C-alpha atoms as a PDB file:
ATOM      1  CA  MET A   1      -9.297  23.535 -30.965  1.00  0.00           C
ATOM      2  CA  ARG A   2      -7.292  25.574 -28.483  1.00  0.00           C
ATOM      3  CA  TRP A   3     -10.431  26.418 -26.524  1.00  0.00           C
ATOM      4  CA  ASN A   4     -11.129  22.707 -25.960  1.00  0.00           C
ATOM      5  CA  LEU A   5      -7.607  22.170 -24.645  1.00  0.00           C
ATOM      6  CA  ILE A   6      -7.974  25.042 -22.201  1.00  0.00           C
ATOM      7  CA  ARG A   7     -11.315  23.741 -20.966  1.00  0.00           C
ATOM      8  CA  SER A   8      -9.946  20.229 -20.531  1.00  0.00           C
ATOM      9  CA  ALA A   9      -6.919  21.578 -18.621  1.00  0.00           C
ATOM     10  CA  ASP A  10      -9.278  23.463 -16.310  1.00  0.00           C
ATOM     11  CA  TRP A  11     -11.267  20.288 -15.769  1.00  0.00           C
ATOM     12  CA  ILE A  12      -8.109  18.365 -14.852  1.00  0.00           C
ATOM     13  CA  ARG A  13      -7.024  21.069 -12.397  1.00  0.00           C
ATOM     14  CA  ALA A  14     -10.482  21.100 -10.819  1.00  0.00           C
ATOM     15  CA  TYR A  15     -10.454  17.301 -10.541  1.00  0.00           C
ATOM     16  CA  PHE A  16      -7.174  17.298  -8.625  1.00  0.00           C
ATOM     17  CA  ARG A  17      -8.196  20.260  -6.491  1.00  0.00           C
ATOM     18  CA  LEU A  18     -11.281  18.407  -5.238  1.00  0.00           C
ATOM     19  CA  ARG A  19      -9.316  15.375  -4.050  1.00  0.00           C
ATOM     20  CA  SER A  20      -8.083  15.177  -0.490  1.00  0.00           C
ATOM     21  CA  LYS A  21      -4.469  14.639   0.488  1.00  0.00           C
ATOM     22  CA  TRP A  22      -5.364  11.250   1.890  1.00  0.00           C
ATOM     23  CA  SER A  23      -6.621  10.029  -1.466  1.00  0.00           C
ATOM     24  CA  PHE A  24      -3.268  10.922  -3.048  1.00  0.00           C
ATOM     25  CA  ILE A  25      -1.403   9.195  -0.225  1.00  0.00           C
ATOM     26  CA  ALA A  26      -3.573   6.087  -0.537  1.00  0.00           C
ATOM     27  CA  GLY A  27      -3.074   6.024  -4.302  1.00  0.00           C
ATOM     28  CA  SER A  28       0.678   6.365  -3.876  1.00  0.00           C
ATOM     29  CA  ILE A  29       0.810   3.539  -1.344  1.00  0.00           C
ATOM     30  CA  LEU A  30      -1.227   1.375  -3.705  1.00  0.00           C
ATOM     31  CA  MET A  31       1.253   2.146  -6.491  1.00  0.00           C
ATOM     32  CA  VAL A  32       4.149   1.190  -4.186  1.00  0.00           C
ATOM     33  CA  ALA A  33       2.416  -2.106  -3.387  1.00  0.00           C
ATOM     34  CA  LEU A  34       1.931  -2.897  -7.082  1.00  0.00           C
ATOM     35  CA  ILE A  35       5.511  -1.977  -7.944  1.00  0.00           C
ATOM     36  CA  GLY A  36       6.820  -3.990  -4.990  1.00  0.00           C
ATOM     37  CA  TRP A  37       4.813  -7.026  -6.065  1.00  0.00           C
ATOM     38  CA  SER A  38       6.064  -6.650  -9.635  1.00  0.00           C
ATOM     39  CA  ASP A  39       9.603  -6.265  -8.353  1.00  0.00           C
ATOM     40  CA  TYR A  40       9.218  -9.471  -6.344  1.00  0.00           C
ATOM     41  CA  LEU A  41       7.884 -11.343  -9.380  1.00  0.00           C
ATOM     42  CA  ALA A  42      10.670 -10.005 -11.622  1.00  0.00           C
ATOM     43  CA  GLY A  43      13.288 -11.540  -9.376  1.00  0.00           C
ATOM     44  CA  PRO A  44      16.855 -10.397  -8.884  1.00  0.00           C
ATOM     45  CA  GLN A  45      17.575 -10.295 -12.632  1.00  0.00           C
ATOM     46  CA  TYR A  46      15.628  -7.067 -13.161  1.00  0.00           C
ATOM     47  CA  SER A  47      15.548  -3.998 -10.984  1.00  0.00           C
ATOM     48  CA  LEU A  48      12.435  -1.843 -10.851  1.00  0.00           C
ATOM     49  CA  LEU A  49      14.068   0.647  -8.508  1.00  0.00           C
ATOM     50  CA  LEU A  50      13.405   3.698 -10.691  1.00  0.00           C
ATOM     51  CA  PHE A  51       9.686   2.936 -10.841  1.00  0.00           C
ATOM     52  CA  TYR A  52       9.452   3.606  -7.104  1.00  0.00           C
ATOM     53  CA  LEU A  53      10.055   7.290  -7.866  1.00  0.00           C
ATOM     54  CA  VAL A  54       6.652   7.683  -9.514  1.00  0.00           C
ATOM     55  CA  PRO A  55       4.550   7.231  -6.331  1.00  0.00           C
ATOM     56  CA  ILE A  56       7.051   9.278  -4.312  1.00  0.00           C
ATOM     57  CA  LEU A  57       6.785  12.181  -6.734  1.00  0.00           C
ATOM     58  CA  HIS A  58       3.001  11.762  -6.907  1.00  0.00           C
ATOM     59  CA  ALA A  59       2.634  11.975  -3.129  1.00  0.00           C
ATOM     60  CA  SER A  60       5.110  14.830  -2.772  1.00  0.00           C
ATOM     61  CA  TRP A  61       3.561  16.929  -5.517  1.00  0.00           C
ATOM     62  CA  PHE A  62      -0.073  16.568  -4.525  1.00  0.00           C
ATOM     63  CA  ALA A  63       0.040  15.896  -0.772  1.00  0.00           C
ATOM     64  CA  GLY A  64       3.181  17.628   0.464  1.00  0.00           C
ATOM     65  CA  ARG A  65       6.610  16.927   1.881  1.00  0.00           C
ATOM     66  CA  LYS A  66       5.536  14.783   4.824  1.00  0.00           C
ATOM     67  CA  ALA A  67       3.506  12.537   2.537  1.00  0.00           C
ATOM     68  CA  GLY A  68       6.502  12.203   0.223  1.00  0.00           C
ATOM     69  CA  ILE A  69       8.712  11.178   3.131  1.00  0.00           C
ATOM     70  CA  LEU A  70       6.104   8.650   4.269  1.00  0.00           C
ATOM     71  CA  VAL A  71       5.762   7.122   0.802  1.00  0.00           C
ATOM     72  CA  SER A  72       9.538   7.060   0.296  1.00  0.00           C
ATOM     73  CA  SER A  73       9.928   5.170   3.581  1.00  0.00           C
ATOM     74  CA  ILE A  74       7.274   2.671   2.526  1.00  0.00           C
ATOM     75  CA  SER A  75       8.947   2.375  -0.882  1.00  0.00           C
ATOM     76  CA  SER A  76      12.307   1.572   0.654  1.00  0.00           C
ATOM     77  CA  LEU A  77      10.722  -1.104   2.841  1.00  0.00           C
ATOM     78  CA  ALA A  78       8.895  -2.563  -0.156  1.00  0.00           C
ATOM     79  CA  TRP A  79      12.078  -2.644  -2.219  1.00  0.00           C
ATOM     80  CA  LEU A  80      14.051  -4.237   0.597  1.00  0.00           C
ATOM     81  CA  THR A  81      11.330  -6.790   1.238  1.00  0.00           C
ATOM     82  CA  SER A  82      10.981  -7.723  -2.427  1.00  0.00           C
ATOM     83  CA  HIS A  83      14.718  -8.342  -2.736  1.00  0.00           C
ATOM     84  CA  GLU A  84      15.182 -10.200   0.533  1.00  0.00           C
ATOM     85  CA  LEU A  85      12.345 -12.723   0.100  1.00  0.00           C
END
């Protein structure tokens, strides 16, 4: 059983190693768009502010600091836009 877990962990590491930084950035921006849309639909009664951390951490971890700063800037604009409309 342990051998299967080790092999699956290696497969997951290899999967993420083969992806480019731009694919992680694009995925993070897509997540921000979905969270922003959900935040807009939820209205002012509910705040989805903490969910914006997931794409920021995703971009920072897999694509680096500059990507994290880019996604955090986009997240702040999405949050502001969803609450001002």
